[in-house]
Amino acid sequence: MKRFITEDSFWGLFPDAVIGIVVAEGMKPADEIPPEDASEIERLLDRANIAAEHHLTSDTISENAPVKAWREAYRAFKTKKGARCSIENLLKRVLKGNPVGSITPSVDIYNAVSLTYALPVGGEDIDTFEGDLRLGITEGGDAFLPLGEDAHEDPTLPGELCYCDDAGAVCRCWNWRDGVRTALTDTSSSAFLIIECVEPERADDCRAAIDELARLVERYLGATIKAKELVTSDNREVVIAS
């Protein structure tokens, strides 16, 4: 059995946070997705890039409400210099007229949901996890090879908030950057999908976003949804694999 566990050190910093979880099994490999469905996924992403403009009320990225909330959250723990929440990076591209492009169907779907709701959304390959996945403050030194790097190790810092399993870091600075080891690929069949919300007043948005995410993954990737729930301070862990 594998679990996703949110640790006391996380809740000490963010007692009102809400985290949406979707566990999907039996996803189709990218090359088995019908061309018409692949095209629909790309159109979903195109529409989401347009929808994201509604969350951008200022030409200065830091003045937009979703970005403000996450910049404030990042001040609560140790981060690598320059690290920003994933939703800021996506919205910044939209603001600059450089829409988020297609990567792989599973990633395109979660990026579409992220842009539509202006909430950070991530995904990992459950089959690559070593033991439980945990979210908490690390003592530092957790092994991590950043996505996009071939050999440059970049271990966690003391006091950093990150997702870790028994083999090291999975995603650094909470939701800044994924690692190579656990990233979703064109052949991933089991996905751990996660949506984070630090604004209590947006809990309903988070719930709507996980509903949408689960529906799209089921519809376009042929997945079976094994779990879909909100993690809160009163519900701190979820079984993600038997």
C-alpha atoms as a PDB file:
ATOM      1  CA  MET A   1       0.000   0.000   0.000  1.00  0.00           C
ATOM      2  CA  LYS A   2       1.182   3.504  -0.839  1.00  0.00           C
ATOM      3  CA  ARG A   3      -0.207   6.622   0.793  1.00  0.00           C
ATOM      4  CA  PHE A   4      -0.045  10.356   0.308  1.00  0.00           C
ATOM      5  CA  ILE A   5       0.647  11.868   3.716  1.00  0.00           C
ATOM      6  CA  THR A   6       0.581  15.552   4.637  1.00  0.00           C
ATOM      7  CA  GLU A   7       2.819  16.070   7.650  1.00  0.00           C
ATOM      8  CA  ASP A   8       2.329  18.223  10.748  1.00  0.00           C
ATOM      9  CA  SER A   9       5.100  20.551   9.542  1.00  0.00           C
ATOM     10  CA  PHE A  10       2.972  21.424   6.514  1.00  0.00           C
ATOM     11  CA  TRP A  11      -0.207  22.104   8.489  1.00  0.00           C
ATOM     12  CA  GLY A  12       1.743  24.222  10.951  1.00  0.00           C
ATOM     13  CA  LEU A  13       2.429  26.617   8.077  1.00  0.00           C
ATOM     14  CA  PHE A  14      -0.832  26.307   6.138  1.00  0.00           C
ATOM     15  CA  PRO A  15      -3.652  25.221   8.475  1.00  0.00           C
ATOM     16  CA  ASP A  16      -6.375  26.360   6.057  1.00  0.00           C
ATOM     17  CA  ALA A  17      -4.934  24.854   2.874  1.00  0.00           C
ATOM     18  CA  VAL A  18      -6.990  22.542   0.685  1.00  0.00           C
ATOM     19  CA  ILE A  19      -5.374  19.948  -1.573  1.00  0.00           C
ATOM     20  CA  GLY A  20      -7.339  18.128  -4.243  1.00  0.00           C
ATOM     21  CA  ILE A  21      -6.231  14.599  -5.117  1.00  0.00           C
ATOM     22  CA  VAL A  22      -7.085  12.468  -8.144  1.00  0.00           C
ATOM     23  CA  VAL A  23      -5.643   8.964  -8.534  1.00  0.00           C
ATOM     24  CA  ALA A  24      -6.004   7.590 -12.069  1.00  0.00           C
ATOM     25  CA  GLU A  25      -5.162   4.043 -13.148  1.00  0.00           C
ATOM     26  CA  GLY A  26      -5.074   2.393 -16.544  1.00  0.00           C
ATOM     27  CA  MET A  27      -4.289   5.484 -18.597  1.00  0.00           C
ATOM     28  CA  LYS A  28      -3.719   4.864 -22.287  1.00  0.00           C
ATOM     29  CA  PRO A  29      -0.227   5.388 -23.685  1.00  0.00           C
ATOM     30  CA  ALA A  30      -0.071   8.534 -25.783  1.00  0.00           C
ATOM     31  CA  ASP A  31       0.245   6.568 -29.027  1.00  0.00           C
ATOM     32  CA  GLU A  32      -3.057   4.768 -28.333  1.00  0.00           C
ATOM     33  CA  ILE A  33      -5.115   7.936 -27.969  1.00  0.00           C
ATOM     34  CA  PRO A  34      -7.297   8.368 -31.084  1.00  0.00           C
ATOM     35  CA  PRO A  35      -6.195  11.310 -33.255  1.00  0.00           C
ATOM     36  CA  GLU A  36      -9.551  13.033 -32.795  1.00  0.00           C
ATOM     37  CA  ASP A  37      -9.182  12.851 -28.995  1.00  0.00           C
ATOM     38  CA  ALA A  38      -5.590  14.109 -29.184  1.00  0.00           C
ATOM     39  CA  SER A  39      -6.850  17.064 -31.208  1.00  0.00           C
ATOM     40  CA  GLU A  40      -9.587  17.735 -28.666  1.00  0.00           C
ATOM     41  CA  ILE A  41      -7.030  17.757 -25.853  1.00  0.00           C
ATOM     42  CA  GLU A  42      -4.978  20.334 -27.740  1.00  0.00           C
ATOM     43  CA  ARG A  43      -8.095  22.454 -28.235  1.00  0.00           C
ATOM     44  CA  LEU A  44      -8.840  22.188 -24.504  1.00  0.00           C
ATOM     45  CA  LEU A  45      -5.409  23.616 -23.809  1.00  0.00           C
ATOM     46  CA  ASP A  46      -5.924  26.390 -26.375  1.00  0.00           C
ATOM     47  CA  ARG A  47      -9.215  27.389 -24.746  1.00  0.00           C
ATOM     48  CA  ALA A  48      -7.636  27.248 -21.288  1.00  0.00           C
ATOM     49  CA  ASN A  49      -4.923  29.694 -22.374  1.00  0.00           C
ATOM     50  CA  ILE A  50      -7.702  32.098 -23.326  1.00  0.00           C
ATOM     51  CA  ALA A  51      -9.672  31.447 -20.116  1.00  0.00           C
ATOM     52  CA  ALA A  52      -6.571  32.234 -18.058  1.00  0.00           C
ATOM     53  CA  GLU A  53      -6.707  35.821 -19.273  1.00  0.00           C
ATOM     54  CA  HIS A  54      -9.715  36.375 -16.990  1.00  0.00           C
ATOM     55  CA  HIS A  55      -7.435  35.853 -13.984  1.00  0.00           C
ATOM     56  CA  LEU A  56      -4.994  38.498 -15.210  1.00  0.00           C
ATOM     57  CA  THR A  57      -6.241  41.913 -14.140  1.00  0.00           C
ATOM     58  CA  SER A  58      -2.814  43.584 -14.184  1.00  0.00           C
ATOM     59  CA  ASP A  59       0.076  43.665 -16.651  1.00  0.00           C
ATOM     60  CA  THR A  60       2.396  43.256 -13.663  1.00  0.00           C
ATOM     61  CA  ILE A  61       2.428  39.528 -12.888  1.00  0.00           C
ATOM     62  CA  SER A  62       2.927  39.980  -9.129  1.00  0.00           C
ATOM     63  CA  GLU A  63      -0.206  42.147  -8.825  1.00  0.00           C
ATOM     64  CA  ASN A  64      -2.599  39.432  -9.993  1.00  0.00           C
ATOM     65  CA  ALA A  65      -4.555  37.744  -7.179  1.00  0.00           C
ATOM     66  CA  PRO A  66      -3.530  34.090  -7.808  1.00  0.00           C
ATOM     67  CA  VAL A  67       0.124  35.102  -7.989  1.00  0.00           C
ATOM     68  CA  LYS A  68      -0.072  37.311  -4.895  1.00  0.00           C
ATOM     69  CA  ALA A  69      -1.471  34.428  -2.853  1.00  0.00           C
ATOM     70  CA  TRP A  70       1.322  32.064  -3.818  1.00  0.00           C
ATOM     71  CA  ARG A  71       4.136  34.583  -3.442  1.00  0.00           C
ATOM     72  CA  GLU A  72       2.917  35.135   0.110  1.00  0.00           C
ATOM     73  CA  ALA A  73       2.811  31.372   0.701  1.00  0.00           C
ATOM     74  CA  TYR A  74       6.376  30.958  -0.558  1.00  0.00           C
ATOM     75  CA  ARG A  75       7.603  33.371   2.101  1.00  0.00           C
ATOM     76  CA  ALA A  76       6.652  30.835   4.774  1.00  0.00           C
ATOM     77  CA  PHE A  77       9.393  28.299   3.922  1.00  0.00           C
ATOM     78  CA  LYS A  78      12.887  28.073   2.494  1.00  0.00           C
ATOM     79  CA  THR A  79      13.013  28.191  -1.298  1.00  0.00           C
ATOM     80  CA  LYS A  80      15.651  28.014  -3.950  1.00  0.00           C
ATOM     81  CA  LYS A  81      16.447  31.500  -5.260  1.00  0.00           C
ATOM     82  CA  GLY A  82      14.006  32.465  -7.982  1.00  0.00           C
ATOM     83  CA  ALA A  83      11.591  29.599  -7.346  1.00  0.00           C
ATOM     84  CA  ARG A  84       7.976  30.440  -8.131  1.00  0.00           C
ATOM     85  CA  CYS A  85       4.727  28.517  -7.944  1.00  0.00           C
ATOM     86  CA  SER A  86       3.857  26.616 -11.124  1.00  0.00           C
ATOM     87  CA  ILE A  87       0.691  28.652 -11.726  1.00  0.00           C
ATOM     88  CA  GLU A  88       2.718  31.864 -11.779  1.00  0.00           C
ATOM     89  CA  ASN A  89       4.928  30.400 -14.485  1.00  0.00           C
ATOM     90  CA  LEU A  90       1.903  29.418 -16.589  1.00  0.00           C
ATOM     91  CA  LEU A  91       0.099  32.727 -16.142  1.00  0.00           C
ATOM     92  CA  LYS A  92       3.278  34.632 -16.940  1.00  0.00           C
ATOM     93  CA  ARG A  93       3.430  32.916 -20.316  1.00  0.00           C
ATOM     94  CA  VAL A  94      -0.162  33.884 -21.061  1.00  0.00           C
ATOM     95  CA  LEU A  95       0.503  37.470 -19.970  1.00  0.00           C
ATOM     96  CA  LYS A  96       3.469  37.683 -22.351  1.00  0.00           C
ATOM     97  CA  GLY A  97       1.464  36.322 -25.276  1.00  0.00           C
ATOM     98  CA  ASN A  98       3.341  33.015 -25.247  1.00  0.00           C
ATOM     99  CA  PRO A  99       0.563  30.450 -24.648  1.00  0.00           C
ATOM    100  CA  VAL A 100       1.320  27.176 -22.856  1.00  0.00           C
ATOM    101  CA  GLY A 101       1.916  24.568 -25.555  1.00  0.00           C
ATOM    102  CA  SER A 102       1.349  20.836 -25.834  1.00  0.00           C
ATOM    103  CA  ILE A 103       3.718  18.450 -24.016  1.00  0.00           C
ATOM    104  CA  THR A 104       2.007  15.077 -23.612  1.00  0.00           C
ATOM    105  CA  PRO A 105      -1.737  14.322 -23.272  1.00  0.00           C
ATOM    106  CA  SER A 106      -1.774  13.818 -19.491  1.00  0.00           C
ATOM    107  CA  VAL A 107       0.270  16.968 -18.869  1.00  0.00           C
ATOM    108  CA  ASP A 108      -1.789  18.961 -21.375  1.00  0.00           C
ATOM    109  CA  ILE A 109      -4.957  18.018 -19.505  1.00  0.00           C
ATOM    110  CA  TYR A 110      -3.686  19.080 -16.108  1.00  0.00           C
ATOM    111  CA  ASN A 111      -2.181  22.285 -17.521  1.00  0.00           C
ATOM    112  CA  ALA A 112      -5.576  23.083 -19.058  1.00  0.00           C
ATOM    113  CA  VAL A 113      -7.265  22.689 -15.671  1.00  0.00           C
ATOM    114  CA  SER A 114      -4.541  24.743 -13.991  1.00  0.00           C
ATOM    115  CA  LEU A 115      -4.957  27.627 -16.435  1.00  0.00           C
ATOM    116  CA  THR A 116      -8.751  27.536 -16.308  1.00  0.00           C
ATOM    117  CA  TYR A 117      -8.939  27.732 -12.507  1.00  0.00           C
ATOM    118  CA  ALA A 118      -5.666  29.597 -11.855  1.00  0.00           C
ATOM    119  CA  LEU A 119      -4.630  26.924  -9.363  1.00  0.00           C
ATOM    120  CA  PRO A 120      -1.376  24.945  -9.428  1.00  0.00           C
ATOM    121  CA  VAL A 121      -1.914  21.426 -10.768  1.00  0.00           C
ATOM    122  CA  GLY A 122       0.718  18.709 -10.933  1.00  0.00           C
ATOM    123  CA  GLY A 123       1.052  15.071 -11.813  1.00  0.00           C
ATOM    124  CA  GLU A 124       3.418  12.226 -11.000  1.00  0.00           C
ATOM    125  CA  ASP A 125       3.768   8.599 -12.057  1.00  0.00           C
ATOM    126  CA  ILE A 126       2.663   6.544  -9.050  1.00  0.00           C
ATOM    127  CA  ASP A 127       4.548   3.468 -10.258  1.00  0.00           C
ATOM    128  CA  THR A 128       7.843   5.330  -9.731  1.00  0.00           C
ATOM    129  CA  PHE A 129       7.225   6.171  -6.060  1.00  0.00           C
ATOM    130  CA  GLU A 130       9.395   4.481  -3.453  1.00  0.00           C
ATOM    131  CA  GLY A 131       7.152   4.033  -0.425  1.00  0.00           C
ATOM    132  CA  ASP A 132       4.718   6.738   0.660  1.00  0.00           C
ATOM    133  CA  LEU A 133       4.596  10.226  -0.820  1.00  0.00           C
ATOM    134  CA  ARG A 134       4.872  12.907   1.860  1.00  0.00           C
ATOM    135  CA  LEU A 135       4.437  16.668   1.882  1.00  0.00           C
ATOM    136  CA  GLY A 136       6.356  18.424   4.618  1.00  0.00           C
ATOM    137  CA  ILE A 137       9.387  20.440   5.647  1.00  0.00           C
ATOM    138  CA  THR A 138      12.632  18.652   4.844  1.00  0.00           C
ATOM    139  CA  GLU A 139      15.944  18.692   6.702  1.00  0.00           C
ATOM    140  CA  GLY A 140      17.643  19.110   3.321  1.00  0.00           C
ATOM    141  CA  GLY A 141      19.867  16.915   1.190  1.00  0.00           C
ATOM    142  CA  ASP A 142      17.063  14.936  -0.464  1.00  0.00           C
ATOM    143  CA  ALA A 143      18.232  13.646  -3.852  1.00  0.00           C
ATOM    144  CA  PHE A 144      16.675  15.434  -6.819  1.00  0.00           C
ATOM    145  CA  LEU A 145      17.364  15.522 -10.546  1.00  0.00           C
ATOM    146  CA  PRO A 146      15.327  18.385 -12.033  1.00  0.00           C
ATOM    147  CA  LEU A 147      13.140  17.747 -15.034  1.00  0.00           C
ATOM    148  CA  GLY A 148      15.027  18.918 -18.105  1.00  0.00           C
ATOM    149  CA  GLU A 149      18.450  18.090 -16.647  1.00  0.00           C
ATOM    150  CA  ASP A 150      20.534  15.068 -17.629  1.00  0.00           C
ATOM    151  CA  ALA A 151      22.928  14.797 -14.735  1.00  0.00           C
ATOM    152  CA  HIS A 152      22.923  17.879 -12.501  1.00  0.00           C
ATOM    153  CA  GLU A 153      21.694  16.852  -9.063  1.00  0.00           C
ATOM    154  CA  ASP A 154      19.997  19.607  -7.070  1.00  0.00           C
ATOM    155  CA  PRO A 155      19.225  18.383  -3.512  1.00  0.00           C
ATOM    156  CA  THR A 156      16.683  20.064  -1.253  1.00  0.00           C
ATOM    157  CA  LEU A 157      17.527  22.810   1.224  1.00  0.00           C
ATOM    158  CA  PRO A 158      17.024  22.618   5.006  1.00  0.00           C
ATOM    159  CA  GLY A 159      13.625  24.100   5.812  1.00  0.00           C
ATOM    160  CA  GLU A 160      12.265  23.582   2.305  1.00  0.00           C
ATOM    161  CA  LEU A 161       8.688  22.398   1.798  1.00  0.00           C
ATOM    162  CA  CYS A 162       8.519  19.634  -0.758  1.00  0.00           C
ATOM    163  CA  TYR A 163       7.000  16.355  -1.829  1.00  0.00           C
ATOM    164  CA  CYS A 164       9.329  13.452  -1.009  1.00  0.00           C
ATOM    165  CA  ASP A 165       9.267   9.666  -1.049  1.00  0.00           C
ATOM    166  CA  ASP A 166      11.802   7.198   0.332  1.00  0.00           C
ATOM    167  CA  ALA A 167      14.168   7.802  -2.614  1.00  0.00           C
ATOM    168  CA  GLY A 168      14.294  11.593  -2.381  1.00  0.00           C
ATOM    169  CA  ALA A 169      12.443  14.679  -3.548  1.00  0.00           C
ATOM    170  CA  VAL A 170       9.567  14.387  -6.006  1.00  0.00           C
ATOM    171  CA  CYS A 171       8.643  18.063  -6.441  1.00  0.00           C
ATOM    172  CA  ARG A 172      10.708  20.863  -4.928  1.00  0.00           C
ATOM    173  CA  CYS A 173       9.589  24.065  -3.193  1.00  0.00           C
ATOM    174  CA  TRP A 174       6.080  22.629  -2.841  1.00  0.00           C
ATOM    175  CA  ASN A 175       4.978  23.067  -6.446  1.00  0.00           C
ATOM    176  CA  TRP A 176       7.875  24.709  -8.245  1.00  0.00           C
ATOM    177  CA  ARG A 177       9.679  21.980 -10.158  1.00  0.00           C
ATOM    178  CA  ASP A 178       9.245  18.246 -10.783  1.00  0.00           C
ATOM    179  CA  GLY A 179      12.009  15.689 -10.910  1.00  0.00           C
ATOM    180  CA  VAL A 180      12.939  13.340 -13.746  1.00  0.00           C
ATOM    181  CA  ARG A 181      12.462  10.207 -11.664  1.00  0.00           C
ATOM    182  CA  THR A 182       8.714  10.525 -11.044  1.00  0.00           C
ATOM    183  CA  ALA A 183       7.538  12.629 -14.000  1.00  0.00           C
ATOM    184  CA  LEU A 184       4.585  11.552 -16.104  1.00  0.00           C
ATOM    185  CA  THR A 185       5.570  10.261 -19.531  1.00  0.00           C
ATOM    186  CA  ASP A 186       3.797   9.131 -22.699  1.00  0.00           C
ATOM    187  CA  THR A 187       3.698   5.590 -21.308  1.00  0.00           C
ATOM    188  CA  SER A 188       2.650   6.276 -17.695  1.00  0.00           C
ATOM    189  CA  SER A 189      -0.432   4.257 -16.746  1.00  0.00           C
ATOM    190  CA  SER A 190      -0.987   5.361 -13.117  1.00  0.00           C
ATOM    191  CA  ALA A 191      -1.068   9.020 -12.177  1.00  0.00           C
ATOM    192  CA  PHE A 192      -1.132  10.929  -8.912  1.00  0.00           C
ATOM    193  CA  LEU A 193      -2.726  14.280  -9.774  1.00  0.00           C
ATOM    194  CA  ILE A 194      -2.811  17.134  -7.312  1.00  0.00           C
ATOM    195  CA  ILE A 195      -4.319  20.605  -7.076  1.00  0.00           C
ATOM    196  CA  GLU A 196      -3.200  22.970  -4.327  1.00  0.00           C
ATOM    197  CA  CYS A 197      -5.139  25.867  -2.838  1.00  0.00           C
ATOM    198  CA  VAL A 198      -3.884  28.237  -0.118  1.00  0.00           C
ATOM    199  CA  GLU A 199      -6.904  30.547  -0.185  1.00  0.00           C
ATOM    200  CA  PRO A 200      -9.700  29.101   2.009  1.00  0.00           C
ATOM    201  CA  GLU A 201     -12.304  31.124   0.116  1.00  0.00           C
ATOM    202  CA  ARG A 202     -11.382  29.210  -3.055  1.00  0.00           C
ATOM    203  CA  ALA A 203     -12.011  25.722  -1.650  1.00  0.00           C
ATOM    204  CA  ASP A 204     -15.035  25.355  -3.926  1.00  0.00           C
ATOM    205  CA  ASP A 205     -12.847  26.214  -6.933  1.00  0.00           C
ATOM    206  CA  CYS A 206     -10.453  23.464  -5.884  1.00  0.00           C
ATOM    207  CA  ARG A 207     -13.299  20.978  -5.629  1.00  0.00           C
ATOM    208  CA  ALA A 208     -14.624  21.970  -9.057  1.00  0.00           C
ATOM    209  CA  ALA A 209     -11.129  21.669 -10.498  1.00  0.00           C
ATOM    210  CA  ILE A 210     -10.593  18.108  -9.264  1.00  0.00           C
ATOM    211  CA  ASP A 211     -14.007  17.131 -10.610  1.00  0.00           C
ATOM    212  CA  GLU A 212     -13.028  18.551 -14.003  1.00  0.00           C
ATOM    213  CA  LEU A 213      -9.599  16.931 -13.906  1.00  0.00           C
ATOM    214  CA  ALA A 214     -11.021  13.505 -13.075  1.00  0.00           C
ATOM    215  CA  ARG A 215     -13.635  13.811 -15.821  1.00  0.00           C
ATOM    216  CA  LEU A 216     -11.091  14.747 -18.486  1.00  0.00           C
ATOM    217  CA  VAL A 217      -8.603  12.037 -17.537  1.00  0.00           C
ATOM    218  CA  GLU A 218     -11.364   9.441 -17.585  1.00  0.00           C
ATOM    219  CA  ARG A 219     -12.801  10.688 -20.878  1.00  0.00           C
ATOM    220  CA  TYR A 220      -9.640  11.214 -22.923  1.00  0.00           C
ATOM    221  CA  LEU A 221      -7.079   8.892 -21.335  1.00  0.00           C
ATOM    222  CA  GLY A 222      -9.434   5.986 -20.617  1.00  0.00           C
ATOM    223  CA  ALA A 223      -8.416   5.963 -16.968  1.00  0.00           C
ATOM    224  CA  THR A 224     -10.251   4.530 -13.999  1.00  0.00           C
ATOM    225  CA  ILE A 225     -10.504   7.066 -11.180  1.00  0.00           C
ATOM    226  CA  LYS A 226      -9.502   5.203  -8.016  1.00  0.00           C
ATOM    227  CA  ALA A 227      -9.607   8.183  -5.669  1.00  0.00           C
ATOM    228  CA  LYS A 228     -10.860  11.763  -5.764  1.00  0.00           C
ATOM    229  CA  GLU A 229     -10.973  13.793  -2.588  1.00  0.00           C
ATOM    230  CA  LEU A 230      -9.917  16.905  -0.750  1.00  0.00           C
ATOM    231  CA  VAL A 231      -7.104  16.719   1.779  1.00  0.00           C
ATOM    232  CA  THR A 232      -7.540  19.126   4.679  1.00  0.00           C
ATOM    233  CA  SER A 233      -6.212  19.485   8.208  1.00  0.00           C
ATOM    234  CA  ASP A 234      -9.011  17.122   9.267  1.00  0.00           C
ATOM    235  CA  ASN A 235      -8.278  14.580   6.504  1.00  0.00           C
ATOM    236  CA  ARG A 236      -4.515  14.394   6.158  1.00  0.00           C
ATOM    237  CA  GLU A 237      -3.791  11.264   4.125  1.00  0.00           C
ATOM    238  CA  VAL A 238      -5.081   9.282   1.171  1.00  0.00           C
ATOM    239  CA  VAL A 239      -4.342   5.750  -0.028  1.00  0.00           C
ATOM    240  CA  ILE A 240      -3.010   6.104  -3.568  1.00  0.00           C
ATOM    241  CA  ALA A 241      -2.050   2.522  -4.436  1.00  0.00           C
ATOM    242  CA  SER A 242      -2.886  -0.881  -2.983  1.00  0.00           C
END
